[in-house]
Amino acid sequence: MSNTAGLTIFDGDLLRSIDLNLPELQHRVTGAQLLEISESKVSQSLSGLSLPPHLKETAISQVSDGDHVTFRRTMFNKQQASEKLGVFFSTVADALKDTPIVVSILDGTMLKMFLEDEDDFAMLAENLFTDLDEEDKGKLCKSEIRKALVHMGVEMGVPPLSEFPILDDIIKKHDADSDEELGQAQFAELLQQVLQEIADVLHEKPITIVLNVEIFTGSRIRKILADEKTLKCLVEKTILEESNGKESQGWLRTLIIKNGKELGLPPLSSENEQVALLYETIISQLNNKENASTKEEFMDALKDILKKFEELLETTPVFSAINL
């Protein structure tokens, strides 16, 4: 588990250090009981979060050799149970290493920081008002406060309504659901009141939001670099598609952009400044590597570039939204 950019990242490391000699396994247990114990211990390592369904299914399939019905009915002694527990933990840990769970713990701290800095809050309120005032009337209905909160989102410490149903009560309490129109200063004052109450409620009872994002570190690239066969296939595929009478200049750039996912890279998007900057930094170093004339030279150049991506991602991981 690690923390970065105000987020908590569960990457499975804690699972690898759990003692498998649990008191619960001192006596014989059924497979069903063992799965309950396994899920409970994993949840503890995730700060109380439930194991995502797809990870749970993968771990159960691995520990039961694909026959979970028979496994649940089978009795296991202490040694057998400990071994199965280890398989369950390592399966989940390996999966989290490749695709960590990223969460944001909202406790009101971020909102209070905005509210305490008058200049920051004034700028935030002004920007929100401008964005919502699409007709440029200089007036907004009180009910637009709800949209302002959505615009702020988890990134600014505001939980979504689905995870924070009391938000409706807070909005009604401050009469922020009516059609009464307010000028910019009045709107900012109302927003401040609502945000202050949200911050107070979160301070008393923080909530954890699982973010719909992937985190990209250098681990995926390391796996690809070790897979000579996959790299060779991508190189041959690119040469076949791009040769057709063209010079090799630009082939490496094309391969990286077209096959980013297969290479363990985050998807390139102009909307994600962090990812766009990462690609810009690496691609700017391609000039002296774009002159590869043989398959072997092309392969070596690709490996060099991937190692640069690996180094940067290991130092500064990047987040990318998952498209459902």
C-alpha atoms as a PDB file:
ATOM      1  CA  MET A   1       0.000   0.000   0.000  1.00  0.00           C
ATOM      2  CA  SER A   2       1.255   3.484  -0.806  1.00  0.00           C
ATOM      3  CA  ASN A   3       0.016   7.051  -0.885  1.00  0.00           C
ATOM      4  CA  THR A   4       0.452   9.532  -3.723  1.00  0.00           C
ATOM      5  CA  ALA A   5      -1.309  12.697  -4.869  1.00  0.00           C
ATOM      6  CA  GLY A   6      -3.759  12.415  -1.971  1.00  0.00           C
ATOM      7  CA  LEU A   7      -4.765   8.898  -3.056  1.00  0.00           C
ATOM      8  CA  THR A   8      -4.247   5.531  -1.397  1.00  0.00           C
ATOM      9  CA  ILE A   9      -2.995   2.755  -3.665  1.00  0.00           C
ATOM     10  CA  PHE A  10      -3.490  -0.883  -2.704  1.00  0.00           C
ATOM     11  CA  ASP A  11      -0.910  -2.866  -4.665  1.00  0.00           C
ATOM     12  CA  GLY A  12      -0.999  -6.161  -2.753  1.00  0.00           C
ATOM     13  CA  ASP A  13       2.254  -5.696  -0.800  1.00  0.00           C
ATOM     14  CA  LEU A  14       0.521  -6.069   2.581  1.00  0.00           C
ATOM     15  CA  LEU A  15      -0.914  -9.432   1.553  1.00  0.00           C
ATOM     16  CA  ARG A  16       2.555 -10.848   0.987  1.00  0.00           C
ATOM     17  CA  SER A  17       3.520 -10.183   4.608  1.00  0.00           C
ATOM     18  CA  ILE A  18       0.472 -11.748   6.313  1.00  0.00           C
ATOM     19  CA  ASP A  19       1.311 -14.661   8.612  1.00  0.00           C
ATOM     20  CA  LEU A  20      -0.367 -17.788   7.237  1.00  0.00           C
ATOM     21  CA  ASN A  21      -0.379 -19.508  10.644  1.00  0.00           C
ATOM     22  CA  LEU A  22      -3.708 -18.014  11.686  1.00  0.00           C
ATOM     23  CA  PRO A  23      -5.517 -18.995  14.912  1.00  0.00           C
ATOM     24  CA  GLU A  24      -8.591 -19.724  12.797  1.00  0.00           C
ATOM     25  CA  LEU A  25      -6.710 -22.591  11.142  1.00  0.00           C
ATOM     26  CA  GLN A  26      -5.734 -24.448  14.307  1.00  0.00           C
ATOM     27  CA  HIS A  27      -8.554 -26.885  13.635  1.00  0.00           C
ATOM     28  CA  ARG A  28      -9.789 -28.479  10.443  1.00  0.00           C
ATOM     29  CA  VAL A  29     -11.885 -26.166   8.272  1.00  0.00           C
ATOM     30  CA  THR A  30     -14.056 -26.595   5.206  1.00  0.00           C
ATOM     31  CA  GLY A  31     -13.212 -24.907   1.945  1.00  0.00           C
ATOM     32  CA  ALA A  32     -16.199 -22.606   2.448  1.00  0.00           C
ATOM     33  CA  GLN A  33     -14.869 -21.517   5.848  1.00  0.00           C
ATOM     34  CA  LEU A  34     -11.397 -21.052   4.401  1.00  0.00           C
ATOM     35  CA  LEU A  35     -12.748 -18.752   1.678  1.00  0.00           C
ATOM     36  CA  GLU A  36     -14.543 -16.643   4.314  1.00  0.00           C
ATOM     37  CA  ILE A  37     -11.297 -16.336   6.301  1.00  0.00           C
ATOM     38  CA  SER A  38      -9.335 -15.486   3.152  1.00  0.00           C
ATOM     39  CA  GLU A  39     -11.768 -12.777   2.058  1.00  0.00           C
ATOM     40  CA  SER A  40     -11.856 -11.315   5.573  1.00  0.00           C
ATOM     41  CA  LYS A  41      -8.057 -11.044   5.762  1.00  0.00           C
ATOM     42  CA  VAL A  42      -7.857  -9.514   2.296  1.00  0.00           C
ATOM     43  CA  SER A  43     -10.527  -6.975   3.247  1.00  0.00           C
ATOM     44  CA  GLN A  44      -8.482  -6.018   6.322  1.00  0.00           C
ATOM     45  CA  SER A  45      -5.448  -5.417   4.109  1.00  0.00           C
ATOM     46  CA  LEU A  46      -7.638  -3.147   1.954  1.00  0.00           C
ATOM     47  CA  SER A  47      -8.666  -1.027   4.961  1.00  0.00           C
ATOM     48  CA  GLY A  48     -12.090  -2.666   5.103  1.00  0.00           C
ATOM     49  CA  LEU A  49     -12.875  -2.580   1.390  1.00  0.00           C
ATOM     50  CA  SER A  50     -14.516  -5.639  -0.110  1.00  0.00           C
ATOM     51  CA  LEU A  51     -12.491  -7.616  -2.608  1.00  0.00           C
ATOM     52  CA  PRO A  52     -13.639  -6.630  -6.139  1.00  0.00           C
ATOM     53  CA  PRO A  53     -15.770  -9.432  -7.690  1.00  0.00           C
ATOM     54  CA  HIS A  54     -13.392 -10.141 -10.576  1.00  0.00           C
ATOM     55  CA  LEU A  55     -10.425 -10.532  -8.223  1.00  0.00           C
ATOM     56  CA  LYS A  56     -12.467 -12.709  -5.880  1.00  0.00           C
ATOM     57  CA  GLU A  57     -13.483 -15.015  -8.738  1.00  0.00           C
ATOM     58  CA  THR A  58      -9.895 -15.262  -9.991  1.00  0.00           C
ATOM     59  CA  ALA A  59      -8.566 -16.138  -6.533  1.00  0.00           C
ATOM     60  CA  ILE A  60     -11.290 -18.715  -5.877  1.00  0.00           C
ATOM     61  CA  SER A  61     -10.713 -20.319  -9.255  1.00  0.00           C
ATOM     62  CA  GLN A  62      -6.978 -20.540  -8.571  1.00  0.00           C
ATOM     63  CA  VAL A  63      -7.274 -21.935  -5.047  1.00  0.00           C
ATOM     64  CA  SER A  64      -9.983 -24.457  -6.003  1.00  0.00           C
ATOM     65  CA  ASP A  65      -8.397 -25.560  -9.283  1.00  0.00           C
ATOM     66  CA  GLY A  66     -11.546 -24.440 -11.065  1.00  0.00           C
ATOM     67  CA  ASP A  67     -13.962 -26.613  -9.028  1.00  0.00           C
ATOM     68  CA  HIS A  68     -15.266 -24.313  -6.302  1.00  0.00           C
ATOM     69  CA  VAL A  69     -18.269 -26.532  -5.478  1.00  0.00           C
ATOM     70  CA  THR A  70     -16.114 -29.501  -4.454  1.00  0.00           C
ATOM     71  CA  PHE A  71     -13.598 -27.186  -2.805  1.00  0.00           C
ATOM     72  CA  ARG A  72     -16.223 -25.642  -0.516  1.00  0.00           C
ATOM     73  CA  ARG A  73     -17.232 -29.083   0.756  1.00  0.00           C
ATOM     74  CA  THR A  74     -13.696 -30.404   1.288  1.00  0.00           C
ATOM     75  CA  MET A  75     -12.135 -30.528   4.763  1.00  0.00           C
ATOM     76  CA  PHE A  76      -8.594 -29.196   5.160  1.00  0.00           C
ATOM     77  CA  ASN A  77      -6.102 -29.683   7.975  1.00  0.00           C
ATOM     78  CA  LYS A  78      -3.911 -26.833   9.248  1.00  0.00           C
ATOM     79  CA  GLN A  79      -1.080 -27.333   6.759  1.00  0.00           C
ATOM     80  CA  GLN A  80      -3.392 -27.744   3.762  1.00  0.00           C
ATOM     81  CA  ALA A  81      -5.454 -24.707   4.787  1.00  0.00           C
ATOM     82  CA  SER A  82      -2.331 -22.552   5.206  1.00  0.00           C
ATOM     83  CA  GLU A  83      -1.107 -23.557   1.749  1.00  0.00           C
ATOM     84  CA  LYS A  84      -4.475 -22.749   0.160  1.00  0.00           C
ATOM     85  CA  LEU A  85      -4.577 -19.456   2.040  1.00  0.00           C
ATOM     86  CA  GLY A  86      -1.159 -18.616   0.630  1.00  0.00           C
ATOM     87  CA  VAL A  87      -2.365 -19.342  -2.910  1.00  0.00           C
ATOM     88  CA  PHE A  88      -5.406 -17.088  -2.388  1.00  0.00           C
ATOM     89  CA  PHE A  89      -3.291 -14.220  -1.033  1.00  0.00           C
ATOM     90  CA  SER A  90      -0.579 -14.490  -3.709  1.00  0.00           C
ATOM     91  CA  THR A  91      -3.181 -14.595  -6.503  1.00  0.00           C
ATOM     92  CA  VAL A  92      -4.813 -11.396  -5.256  1.00  0.00           C
ATOM     93  CA  ALA A  93      -1.434  -9.745  -4.584  1.00  0.00           C
ATOM     94  CA  ASP A  94      -0.209 -10.539  -8.113  1.00  0.00           C
ATOM     95  CA  ALA A  95      -3.406  -9.127  -9.620  1.00  0.00           C
ATOM     96  CA  LEU A  96      -3.144  -5.945  -7.530  1.00  0.00           C
ATOM     97  CA  LYS A  97       0.487  -5.525  -8.527  1.00  0.00           C
ATOM     98  CA  ASP A  98      -0.582  -5.264 -12.163  1.00  0.00           C
ATOM     99  CA  THR A  99      -3.837  -3.376 -11.528  1.00  0.00           C
ATOM    100  CA  PRO A 100      -3.851  -1.695  -8.093  1.00  0.00           C
ATOM    101  CA  ILE A 101      -7.026  -0.476  -6.430  1.00  0.00           C
ATOM    102  CA  VAL A 102      -6.951   3.318  -6.116  1.00  0.00           C
ATOM    103  CA  VAL A 103      -9.091   4.989  -3.477  1.00  0.00           C
ATOM    104  CA  SER A 104      -9.646   8.478  -2.172  1.00  0.00           C
ATOM    105  CA  ILE A 105     -10.453   8.906   1.515  1.00  0.00           C
ATOM    106  CA  LEU A 106     -12.623  11.995   1.902  1.00  0.00           C
ATOM    107  CA  ASP A 107     -12.472  13.437   5.409  1.00  0.00           C
ATOM    108  CA  GLY A 108     -13.202  17.102   4.731  1.00  0.00           C
ATOM    109  CA  THR A 109      -9.549  18.174   4.886  1.00  0.00           C
ATOM    110  CA  MET A 110      -9.310  19.180   1.234  1.00  0.00           C
ATOM    111  CA  LEU A 111     -12.541  21.194   1.381  1.00  0.00           C
ATOM    112  CA  LYS A 112     -11.411  23.002   4.513  1.00  0.00           C
ATOM    113  CA  MET A 113      -8.174  23.964   2.778  1.00  0.00           C
ATOM    114  CA  PHE A 114     -10.170  25.565  -0.053  1.00  0.00           C
ATOM    115  CA  LEU A 115     -12.462  27.346   2.380  1.00  0.00           C
ATOM    116  CA  GLU A 116      -9.659  28.660   4.594  1.00  0.00           C
ATOM    117  CA  ASP A 117      -7.764  30.214   1.686  1.00  0.00           C
ATOM    118  CA  GLU A 118      -9.924  33.167   0.642  1.00  0.00           C
ATOM    119  CA  ASP A 119      -8.116  33.737  -2.635  1.00  0.00           C
ATOM    120  CA  ASP A 120      -8.294  30.080  -3.680  1.00  0.00           C
ATOM    121  CA  PHE A 121     -11.965  29.826  -2.809  1.00  0.00           C
ATOM    122  CA  ALA A 122     -12.813  33.098  -4.583  1.00  0.00           C
ATOM    123  CA  MET A 123     -11.104  31.812  -7.738  1.00  0.00           C
ATOM    124  CA  LEU A 124     -12.839  28.433  -7.465  1.00  0.00           C
ATOM    125  CA  ALA A 125     -16.263  30.016  -6.991  1.00  0.00           C
ATOM    126  CA  GLU A 126     -15.694  32.440  -9.866  1.00  0.00           C
ATOM    127  CA  ASN A 127     -14.635  29.667 -12.240  1.00  0.00           C
ATOM    128  CA  LEU A 128     -17.607  27.500 -11.300  1.00  0.00           C
ATOM    129  CA  PHE A 129     -20.021  30.404 -11.736  1.00  0.00           C
ATOM    130  CA  THR A 130     -18.562  31.249 -15.154  1.00  0.00           C
ATOM    131  CA  ASP A 131     -18.721  27.618 -16.330  1.00  0.00           C
ATOM    132  CA  LEU A 132     -22.338  27.214 -15.218  1.00  0.00           C
ATOM    133  CA  ASP A 133     -23.513  30.612 -16.521  1.00  0.00           C
ATOM    134  CA  GLU A 134     -23.688  29.366 -20.115  1.00  0.00           C
ATOM    135  CA  GLU A 135     -26.017  32.185 -21.234  1.00  0.00           C
ATOM    136  CA  ASP A 136     -23.766  34.809 -19.649  1.00  0.00           C
ATOM    137  CA  LYS A 137     -26.668  36.343 -17.711  1.00  0.00           C
ATOM    138  CA  GLY A 138     -24.665  37.031 -14.580  1.00  0.00           C
ATOM    139  CA  LYS A 139     -27.275  35.100 -12.621  1.00  0.00           C
ATOM    140  CA  LEU A 140     -27.656  31.466 -11.578  1.00  0.00           C
ATOM    141  CA  CYS A 141     -30.451  29.584  -9.848  1.00  0.00           C
ATOM    142  CA  LYS A 142     -29.693  28.280  -6.377  1.00  0.00           C
ATOM    143  CA  SER A 143     -30.306  24.777  -7.732  1.00  0.00           C
ATOM    144  CA  GLU A 144     -27.143  25.116  -9.813  1.00  0.00           C
ATOM    145  CA  ILE A 145     -25.213  24.509  -6.577  1.00  0.00           C
ATOM    146  CA  ARG A 146     -25.729  20.800  -7.184  1.00  0.00           C
ATOM    147  CA  LYS A 147     -24.008  21.080 -10.588  1.00  0.00           C
ATOM    148  CA  ALA A 148     -21.183  23.065  -9.003  1.00  0.00           C
ATOM    149  CA  LEU A 149     -20.585  20.217  -6.557  1.00  0.00           C
ATOM    150  CA  VAL A 150     -20.533  17.704  -9.422  1.00  0.00           C
ATOM    151  CA  HIS A 151     -18.002  19.888 -11.257  1.00  0.00           C
ATOM    152  CA  MET A 152     -15.757  19.851  -8.181  1.00  0.00           C
ATOM    153  CA  GLY A 153     -16.033  16.099  -7.711  1.00  0.00           C
ATOM    154  CA  VAL A 154     -13.839  13.732  -5.738  1.00  0.00           C
ATOM    155  CA  GLU A 155     -10.708  15.492  -7.051  1.00  0.00           C
ATOM    156  CA  MET A 156     -11.651  18.498  -4.901  1.00  0.00           C
ATOM    157  CA  GLY A 157     -12.981  16.519  -1.958  1.00  0.00           C
ATOM    158  CA  VAL A 158     -16.697  16.407  -2.816  1.00  0.00           C
ATOM    159  CA  PRO A 159     -18.167  12.881  -2.719  1.00  0.00           C
ATOM    160  CA  PRO A 160     -20.718  11.758  -5.340  1.00  0.00           C
ATOM    161  CA  LEU A 161     -24.363  11.643  -4.262  1.00  0.00           C
ATOM    162  CA  SER A 162     -24.405   7.848  -4.716  1.00  0.00           C
ATOM    163  CA  GLU A 163     -21.810   7.526  -1.934  1.00  0.00           C
ATOM    164  CA  PHE A 164     -23.026  10.454   0.153  1.00  0.00           C
ATOM    165  CA  PRO A 165     -26.863  10.514   0.227  1.00  0.00           C
ATOM    166  CA  ILE A 166     -26.893  13.044   3.070  1.00  0.00           C
ATOM    167  CA  LEU A 167     -25.849  15.585   0.434  1.00  0.00           C
ATOM    168  CA  ASP A 168     -29.498  15.973  -0.533  1.00  0.00           C
ATOM    169  CA  ASP A 169     -30.374  16.941   3.039  1.00  0.00           C
ATOM    170  CA  ILE A 170     -27.530  19.465   3.174  1.00  0.00           C
ATOM    171  CA  ILE A 171     -28.682  21.078  -0.075  1.00  0.00           C
ATOM    172  CA  LYS A 172     -32.282  21.332   1.144  1.00  0.00           C
ATOM    173  CA  LYS A 173     -31.188  22.667   4.529  1.00  0.00           C
ATOM    174  CA  HIS A 174     -29.498  25.618   2.795  1.00  0.00           C
ATOM    175  CA  ASP A 175     -32.394  26.120   0.372  1.00  0.00           C
ATOM    176  CA  ALA A 176     -29.988  25.356  -2.459  1.00  0.00           C
ATOM    177  CA  ASP A 177     -32.544  23.543  -4.591  1.00  0.00           C
ATOM    178  CA  SER A 178     -34.824  26.431  -5.524  1.00  0.00           C
ATOM    179  CA  ASP A 179     -35.140  28.486  -8.722  1.00  0.00           C
ATOM    180  CA  GLU A 180     -34.260  31.745  -6.978  1.00  0.00           C
ATOM    181  CA  GLU A 181     -31.530  33.511  -8.954  1.00  0.00           C
ATOM    182  CA  LEU A 182     -28.299  34.732  -7.392  1.00  0.00           C
ATOM    183  CA  GLY A 183     -25.454  36.936  -8.539  1.00  0.00           C
ATOM    184  CA  GLN A 184     -21.858  35.704  -8.424  1.00  0.00           C
ATOM    185  CA  ALA A 185     -21.105  36.938  -4.892  1.00  0.00           C
ATOM    186  CA  GLN A 186     -24.350  35.496  -3.485  1.00  0.00           C
ATOM    187  CA  PHE A 187     -23.769  32.200  -5.273  1.00  0.00           C
ATOM    188  CA  ALA A 188     -20.247  32.009  -3.828  1.00  0.00           C
ATOM    189  CA  GLU A 189     -21.607  32.650  -0.316  1.00  0.00           C
ATOM    190  CA  LEU A 190     -24.175  29.858  -0.664  1.00  0.00           C
ATOM    191  CA  LEU A 191     -21.557  27.480  -2.074  1.00  0.00           C
ATOM    192  CA  GLN A 192     -19.297  28.253   0.873  1.00  0.00           C
ATOM    193  CA  GLN A 193     -22.048  27.383   3.364  1.00  0.00           C
ATOM    194  CA  VAL A 194     -22.827  24.085   1.646  1.00  0.00           C
ATOM    195  CA  LEU A 195     -19.158  23.103   1.333  1.00  0.00           C
ATOM    196  CA  GLN A 196     -18.526  23.941   4.986  1.00  0.00           C
ATOM    197  CA  GLU A 197     -21.290  21.584   6.098  1.00  0.00           C
ATOM    198  CA  ILE A 198     -20.089  18.832   3.757  1.00  0.00           C
ATOM    199  CA  ALA A 199     -16.589  19.232   5.231  1.00  0.00           C
ATOM    200  CA  ASP A 200     -17.949  19.035   8.794  1.00  0.00           C
ATOM    201  CA  VAL A 201     -19.948  15.876   8.060  1.00  0.00           C
ATOM    202  CA  LEU A 202     -16.972  14.206   6.364  1.00  0.00           C
ATOM    203  CA  HIS A 203     -14.734  15.161   9.290  1.00  0.00           C
ATOM    204  CA  GLU A 204     -17.084  13.308  11.637  1.00  0.00           C
ATOM    205  CA  LYS A 205     -17.502  10.326   9.325  1.00  0.00           C
ATOM    206  CA  PRO A 206     -14.971  10.032   6.460  1.00  0.00           C
ATOM    207  CA  ILE A 207     -15.915   7.948   3.435  1.00  0.00           C
ATOM    208  CA  THR A 208     -13.759   5.930   1.067  1.00  0.00           C
ATOM    209  CA  ILE A 209     -14.321   6.202  -2.683  1.00  0.00           C
ATOM    210  CA  VAL A 210     -12.923   3.572  -5.036  1.00  0.00           C
ATOM    211  CA  LEU A 211     -11.823   5.480  -8.123  1.00  0.00           C
ATOM    212  CA  ASN A 212     -12.485   4.230 -11.630  1.00  0.00           C
ATOM    213  CA  VAL A 213      -8.877   4.639 -12.689  1.00  0.00           C
ATOM    214  CA  GLU A 214      -5.869   2.529 -13.553  1.00  0.00           C
ATOM    215  CA  ILE A 215      -2.433   3.323 -12.240  1.00  0.00           C
ATOM    216  CA  PHE A 216       0.514   2.765 -14.538  1.00  0.00           C
ATOM    217  CA  THR A 217       3.927   2.060 -13.054  1.00  0.00           C
ATOM    218  CA  GLY A 218       6.945   0.440 -14.651  1.00  0.00           C
ATOM    219  CA  SER A 219       5.884  -3.100 -13.652  1.00  0.00           C
ATOM    220  CA  ARG A 220       3.851  -3.795 -16.803  1.00  0.00           C
ATOM    221  CA  ILE A 221       6.664  -2.599 -19.051  1.00  0.00           C
ATOM    222  CA  ARG A 222       9.151  -4.831 -17.252  1.00  0.00           C
ATOM    223  CA  LYS A 223       6.981  -7.828 -18.096  1.00  0.00           C
ATOM    224  CA  ILE A 224       6.805  -6.790 -21.735  1.00  0.00           C
ATOM    225  CA  LEU A 225      10.569  -6.262 -21.941  1.00  0.00           C
ATOM    226  CA  ALA A 226      11.015  -9.803 -20.665  1.00  0.00           C
ATOM    227  CA  ASP A 227       8.624 -11.131 -23.330  1.00  0.00           C
ATOM    228  CA  GLU A 228      10.864 -11.229 -26.399  1.00  0.00           C
ATOM    229  CA  LYS A 229       8.236 -13.050 -28.456  1.00  0.00           C
ATOM    230  CA  THR A 230       5.555 -10.362 -28.009  1.00  0.00           C
ATOM    231  CA  LEU A 231       7.997  -7.553 -28.812  1.00  0.00           C
ATOM    232  CA  LYS A 232       9.186  -9.365 -31.913  1.00  0.00           C
ATOM    233  CA  CYS A 233       5.598  -9.859 -33.133  1.00  0.00           C
ATOM    234  CA  LEU A 234       4.801  -6.149 -32.646  1.00  0.00           C
ATOM    235  CA  VAL A 235       7.941  -5.121 -34.524  1.00  0.00           C
ATOM    236  CA  GLU A 236       7.208  -7.461 -37.426  1.00  0.00           C
ATOM    237  CA  LYS A 237       3.583  -6.330 -37.514  1.00  0.00           C
ATOM    238  CA  THR A 238       4.611  -2.655 -37.659  1.00  0.00           C
ATOM    239  CA  ILE A 239       7.206  -3.252 -40.369  1.00  0.00           C
ATOM    240  CA  LEU A 240       4.641  -5.154 -42.439  1.00  0.00           C
ATOM    241  CA  GLU A 241       1.966  -2.474 -42.057  1.00  0.00           C
ATOM    242  CA  GLU A 242       4.224   0.545 -42.489  1.00  0.00           C
ATOM    243  CA  SER A 243       6.798  -0.630 -45.049  1.00  0.00           C
ATOM    244  CA  ASN A 244       4.745  -0.512 -48.252  1.00  0.00           C
ATOM    245  CA  GLY A 245       7.232   1.750 -50.000  1.00  0.00           C
ATOM    246  CA  LYS A 246       7.654   4.093 -47.017  1.00  0.00           C
ATOM    247  CA  GLU A 247      10.881   4.999 -45.292  1.00  0.00           C
ATOM    248  CA  SER A 248      11.380   3.658 -41.781  1.00  0.00           C
ATOM    249  CA  GLN A 249      11.326   7.189 -40.336  1.00  0.00           C
ATOM    250  CA  GLY A 250       8.392   7.385 -37.916  1.00  0.00           C
ATOM    251  CA  TRP A 251       7.782   3.645 -37.568  1.00  0.00           C
ATOM    252  CA  LEU A 252       8.875   3.545 -33.934  1.00  0.00           C
ATOM    253  CA  ARG A 253       6.607   6.462 -33.055  1.00  0.00           C
ATOM    254  CA  THR A 254       3.699   4.716 -34.817  1.00  0.00           C
ATOM    255  CA  LEU A 255       4.319   1.449 -32.981  1.00  0.00           C
ATOM    256  CA  ILE A 256       4.379   3.111 -29.562  1.00  0.00           C
ATOM    257  CA  ILE A 257       1.213   5.163 -30.120  1.00  0.00           C
ATOM    258  CA  LYS A 258      -0.783   2.399 -31.819  1.00  0.00           C
ATOM    259  CA  ASN A 259       0.227  -0.391 -29.440  1.00  0.00           C
ATOM    260  CA  GLY A 260       0.569   1.476 -26.158  1.00  0.00           C
ATOM    261  CA  LYS A 261      -1.733  -0.888 -24.250  1.00  0.00           C
ATOM    262  CA  GLU A 262       0.098  -4.008 -25.418  1.00  0.00           C
ATOM    263  CA  LEU A 263       3.367  -2.377 -24.381  1.00  0.00           C
ATOM    264  CA  GLY A 264       2.094  -1.655 -20.863  1.00  0.00           C
ATOM    265  CA  LEU A 265       1.688   2.093 -21.476  1.00  0.00           C
ATOM    266  CA  PRO A 266      -1.248   4.299 -20.437  1.00  0.00           C
ATOM    267  CA  PRO A 267      -3.593   5.213 -23.324  1.00  0.00           C
ATOM    268  CA  LEU A 268      -2.600   8.493 -24.942  1.00  0.00           C
ATOM    269  CA  SER A 269      -5.239  11.195 -24.494  1.00  0.00           C
ATOM    270  CA  SER A 270      -5.126  14.946 -24.955  1.00  0.00           C
ATOM    271  CA  GLU A 271      -7.531  15.221 -21.998  1.00  0.00           C
ATOM    272  CA  ASN A 272      -5.024  13.630 -19.627  1.00  0.00           C
ATOM    273  CA  GLU A 273      -2.227  16.181 -19.304  1.00  0.00           C
ATOM    274  CA  GLN A 274      -0.042  13.875 -17.220  1.00  0.00           C
ATOM    275  CA  VAL A 275      -0.135  11.114 -19.854  1.00  0.00           C
ATOM    276  CA  ALA A 276       0.266  13.559 -22.758  1.00  0.00           C
ATOM    277  CA  LEU A 277       3.362  15.044 -21.089  1.00  0.00           C
ATOM    278  CA  LEU A 278       4.801  11.570 -20.525  1.00  0.00           C
ATOM    279  CA  TYR A 279       4.499  10.700 -24.227  1.00  0.00           C
ATOM    280  CA  GLU A 280       5.810  14.097 -25.276  1.00  0.00           C
ATOM    281  CA  THR A 281       8.877  13.665 -23.067  1.00  0.00           C
ATOM    282  CA  ILE A 282       9.692  10.226 -24.466  1.00  0.00           C
ATOM    283  CA  ILE A 283       8.815  10.867 -28.112  1.00  0.00           C
ATOM    284  CA  SER A 284      11.030  13.964 -28.112  1.00  0.00           C
ATOM    285  CA  GLN A 285      13.952  11.571 -27.601  1.00  0.00           C
ATOM    286  CA  LEU A 286      13.101   9.413 -30.622  1.00  0.00           C
ATOM    287  CA  ASN A 287      14.930  11.438 -33.268  1.00  0.00           C
ATOM    288  CA  ASN A 288      18.211   9.555 -33.074  1.00  0.00           C
ATOM    289  CA  LYS A 289      16.411   6.215 -32.856  1.00  0.00           C
ATOM    290  CA  GLU A 290      14.083   6.581 -35.852  1.00  0.00           C
ATOM    291  CA  ASN A 291      16.756   5.599 -38.363  1.00  0.00           C
ATOM    292  CA  ALA A 292      16.727   1.871 -37.611  1.00  0.00           C
ATOM    293  CA  SER A 293      17.189   0.032 -40.911  1.00  0.00           C
ATOM    294  CA  THR A 294      16.953  -3.599 -39.780  1.00  0.00           C
ATOM    295  CA  LYS A 295      14.514  -5.556 -37.643  1.00  0.00           C
ATOM    296  CA  GLU A 296      17.221  -6.045 -35.004  1.00  0.00           C
ATOM    297  CA  GLU A 297      18.018  -2.311 -34.837  1.00  0.00           C
ATOM    298  CA  PHE A 298      14.305  -1.529 -34.632  1.00  0.00           C
ATOM    299  CA  MET A 299      13.944  -4.020 -31.774  1.00  0.00           C
ATOM    300  CA  ASP A 300      16.872  -2.526 -29.859  1.00  0.00           C
ATOM    301  CA  ALA A 301      15.515   0.995 -30.331  1.00  0.00           C
ATOM    302  CA  LEU A 302      12.075  -0.083 -29.046  1.00  0.00           C
ATOM    303  CA  LYS A 303      13.611  -1.666 -25.947  1.00  0.00           C
ATOM    304  CA  ASP A 304      15.602   1.510 -25.208  1.00  0.00           C
ATOM    305  CA  ILE A 305      12.469   3.644 -25.446  1.00  0.00           C
ATOM    306  CA  LEU A 306      10.420   1.272 -23.277  1.00  0.00           C
ATOM    307  CA  LYS A 307      13.144   1.389 -20.628  1.00  0.00           C
ATOM    308  CA  LYS A 308      12.838   5.184 -20.582  1.00  0.00           C
ATOM    309  CA  PHE A 309       9.060   4.868 -20.111  1.00  0.00           C
ATOM    310  CA  GLU A 310       9.693   2.359 -17.331  1.00  0.00           C
ATOM    311  CA  GLU A 311      12.086   4.679 -15.507  1.00  0.00           C
ATOM    312  CA  LEU A 312       9.699   7.638 -15.656  1.00  0.00           C
ATOM    313  CA  LEU A 313       6.626   5.623 -14.627  1.00  0.00           C
ATOM    314  CA  GLU A 314       8.502   4.023 -11.748  1.00  0.00           C
ATOM    315  CA  THR A 315       9.445   7.461 -10.460  1.00  0.00           C
ATOM    316  CA  THR A 316       6.109   9.140 -11.225  1.00  0.00           C
ATOM    317  CA  PRO A 317       3.160   6.768 -11.768  1.00  0.00           C
ATOM    318  CA  VAL A 318       0.310   8.102 -13.896  1.00  0.00           C
ATOM    319  CA  PHE A 319      -3.426   7.584 -13.572  1.00  0.00           C
ATOM    320  CA  SER A 320      -5.805   6.928 -16.440  1.00  0.00           C
ATOM    321  CA  ALA A 321      -9.603   6.761 -16.367  1.00  0.00           C
ATOM    322  CA  ILE A 322     -11.079   3.353 -17.155  1.00  0.00           C
ATOM    323  CA  ASN A 323     -13.628   3.479 -19.937  1.00  0.00           C
ATOM    324  CA  LEU A 324     -16.528   1.206 -19.061  1.00  0.00           C
END
